[in-house]
Amino acid sequence: MKHKTIGVLGGMGPWATLDFFEKILRLTPAKTDQEHLRVIIDNNPKIPDRSPAIVGTGEDPTPAMVASARTLQQAGADIIVIPCNTAHYFYERVQNAVSIPVLHIMEEVVTTAREEVPSARVLGILATAAAVSSGLYARACARKGIEVVNPDPASQQVVNRAIYAVKGGQVGPEITAGLKKVADGLVGRGAQALVLGCTELPFVLKPQDVPVPLLDSNQILARAAVRFATGVPLPTPT
């Protein structure tokens, strides 16, 4: 079977795009260069910040995102992925601008939660304040009969600081310690699994840091992209 080409609408942010591509490589069942997938990456960190745009205080990123998506399609991509959760606030406008499928990160995460953690009826969401307040995960979860629990305002500030620290290349144990406290708080409020709902967060919070299953949205999106490109279902991680 001929492999399909993955187009990555990246740069939101660059480190998350790097992490996504590494996960594509690790997930691809390849033993030679030629067995790997063709991946076209438009790493455009000049796309305006999504969070201020969502709350009405920043420039609309949609024109830049649409331009990137069209560039990827013209370059030969068969599918587009956006390794940024908050950017999915603008998903419909991007999908409507191209004639190839754009995977939806929230839908992939929630589907994975139902398949891999079927007993989890409540998910704790670690994401940007804009992603949380706009209900991106809440709506996707509701369609699958799953409830969400979000950080309280003080804890959300901790999450936001961690996200922007990673964007600035600043990671360290104090960042992880703060996130672990937030995660523990969500578990204490009933979360039976946690979602890394920002693609910067895998750099600073690992499965061993939390007492419940941790769903990495970047990993899940990469797995869905590889599955689409190869036509081969990937094994469920253990």
Foldseek 3Di string as FASTA:
>chain_A
DAFFEEEEAAPLPPVLVVVLVVLLVVQQPDDDPVSRHHYHYDNDVVQKNLQCVLVPNTDDSLVVSLVSLVVRVVVGHQEYEYQFLSCCVCVVSNCVSDDHYYDHLLLLLLVCCCVPVVVWQEEEEQHAPSSVVVCVNQVSSVVVNHHYDYFDPVLNVLSNVLQVCLSVVHADPVSLVSVLVRQVVRVVVPGQEYEDSGSSCVVRYDQVSYDHHYHYSSSSRSQVSSCNRVVDRGDDDD
